[in-house]
Structure formats: C-alpha cells, structure tokens
Amino acid sequence: MTDGRARQTDRQTERQTDNQKDRHTEMTDWRAGQTDRQTERQTTRKTDRQTVRPTERQTHRQTDTQTDTQTHRHTDTH
C-alpha cells in the first residue's frame, strides 16, 4: 500500500509539474502575442497619422475653398 501511494504521489507531482510548464508556455506565448498586437497597433497609428490626417486636411481645405468661391460668385451675381 505504501508503494502504491508513493507511485500515485510521484505521478501527481509529475502531472502538476507538466501542467505548470504548460501554463508557463501558454502565458509566454500569450504575452508574445500581446506584444505583437501592441506593436501592430503602434505601427498602424503611426501610419494613420502620416497618411490619413494630411489627406483629411487637404480635403477640408479644398472643400472650404470651393464653398468660399461659390459663395462669392453667388453674391457677386446679385
């Protein structure tokens, strides 16, 4: 009976150790994934700032200029 219990305890210890290793690996993988996503987000934000915003500004300027020109023309006609 004592040998049987000793073997069970050994197996249980092995299982716990394996589970801990698995969890550690999962956490490490998860953290690596998080870091990748964070890097992607930062890269995307930088890219967005460089490409989208100047385009938006140009579009606003063009729209404002067109509106001003049309308003002046309309007023001048009368």
Protein backbone atom coordinates (compact mmCIF):
# COMPACT_ATOMS: atom_id res chain seq x y z
CA MET A 1 0.00 0.00 0.00
CA THR A 2 2.81 2.37 0.80
CA ASP A 3 4.45 1.72 -2.58
CA GLY A 4 1.13 2.35 -4.33
CA ARG A 5 0.69 5.69 -2.58
CA ALA A 6 4.28 6.68 -3.29
CA ARG A 7 3.76 5.98 -7.00
CA GLN A 8 0.49 7.95 -7.03
CA THR A 9 2.22 10.88 -5.36
CA ASP A 10 5.04 10.72 -7.92
CA ARG A 11 2.55 10.68 -10.80
CA GLN A 12 0.61 13.55 -9.26
CA THR A 13 3.79 15.56 -8.83
CA GLU A 14 4.72 14.84 -12.46
CA ARG A 15 1.28 15.97 -13.64
CA GLN A 16 1.47 19.18 -11.61
CA THR A 17 4.94 19.92 -12.96
CA ASP A 18 3.78 19.28 -16.53
CA ASN A 19 0.72 21.48 -16.02
CA GLN A 20 2.86 24.27 -14.63
CA LYS A 21 5.20 24.01 -17.60
CA ASP A 22 2.23 24.07 -19.99
CA ARG A 23 0.73 27.10 -18.27
CA HIS A 24 4.07 28.89 -18.33
CA THR A 25 4.44 28.18 -22.05
CA GLU A 26 0.86 29.36 -22.70
CA MET A 27 1.46 32.58 -20.78
CA THR A 28 4.73 33.19 -22.60
CA ASP A 29 3.01 32.61 -25.95
CA TRP A 30 0.10 34.85 -24.91
CA ARG A 31 2.46 37.63 -23.86
CA ALA A 32 4.35 37.33 -27.13
CA GLY A 33 1.02 37.59 -28.94
CA GLN A 34 0.07 40.65 -26.90
CA THR A 35 3.40 42.29 -27.68
CA ASP A 36 2.92 41.59 -31.38
CA ARG A 37 -0.56 43.11 -31.33
CA GLN A 38 0.68 46.14 -29.41
CA THR A 39 3.48 46.66 -31.93
CA GLU A 40 0.95 46.31 -34.77
CA ARG A 41 -1.32 48.90 -33.15
CA GLN A 42 1.54 51.35 -32.66
CA THR A 43 2.72 50.87 -36.23
CA THR A 44 -0.82 51.30 -37.54
CA ARG A 45 -1.30 54.51 -35.55
CA LYS A 46 1.95 55.97 -36.86
CA THR A 47 0.99 55.03 -40.41
CA ASP A 48 -2.51 56.50 -39.95
CA ARG A 49 -1.08 59.77 -38.66
CA GLN A 50 1.27 60.04 -41.60
CA THR A 51 -1.19 59.11 -44.36
CA VAL A 52 -4.77 59.79 -43.30
CA ARG A 53 -4.58 63.09 -41.48
CA PRO A 54 -2.70 65.13 -44.09
CA THR A 55 -5.21 63.84 -46.65
CA GLU A 56 -8.11 64.90 -44.40
CA ARG A 57 -6.60 68.36 -44.02
CA GLN A 58 -6.19 68.71 -47.77
CA THR A 59 -9.78 67.61 -48.33
CA HIS A 60 -11.06 70.17 -45.81
CA ARG A 61 -9.03 72.93 -47.41
CA GLN A 62 -10.36 72.06 -50.87
CA THR A 63 -13.94 71.92 -49.60
CA ASP A 64 -13.57 75.25 -47.76
CA THR A 65 -12.06 76.90 -50.83
CA GLN A 66 -14.84 75.62 -53.10
CA THR A 67 -17.52 76.78 -50.66
CA ASP A 68 -15.91 80.24 -50.37
CA THR A 69 -15.62 80.57 -54.15
CA GLN A 70 -19.23 79.52 -54.72
CA THR A 71 -20.49 81.90 -52.04
CA HIS A 72 -18.55 84.83 -53.56
CA ARG A 73 -19.80 84.03 -57.05
CA HIS A 74 -23.38 83.82 -55.84
CA THR A 75 -23.06 87.14 -54.01
CA ASP A 76 -21.32 88.84 -56.96
CA THR A 77 -24.08 87.81 -59.37
CA HIS A 78 -26.71 89.75 -57.45
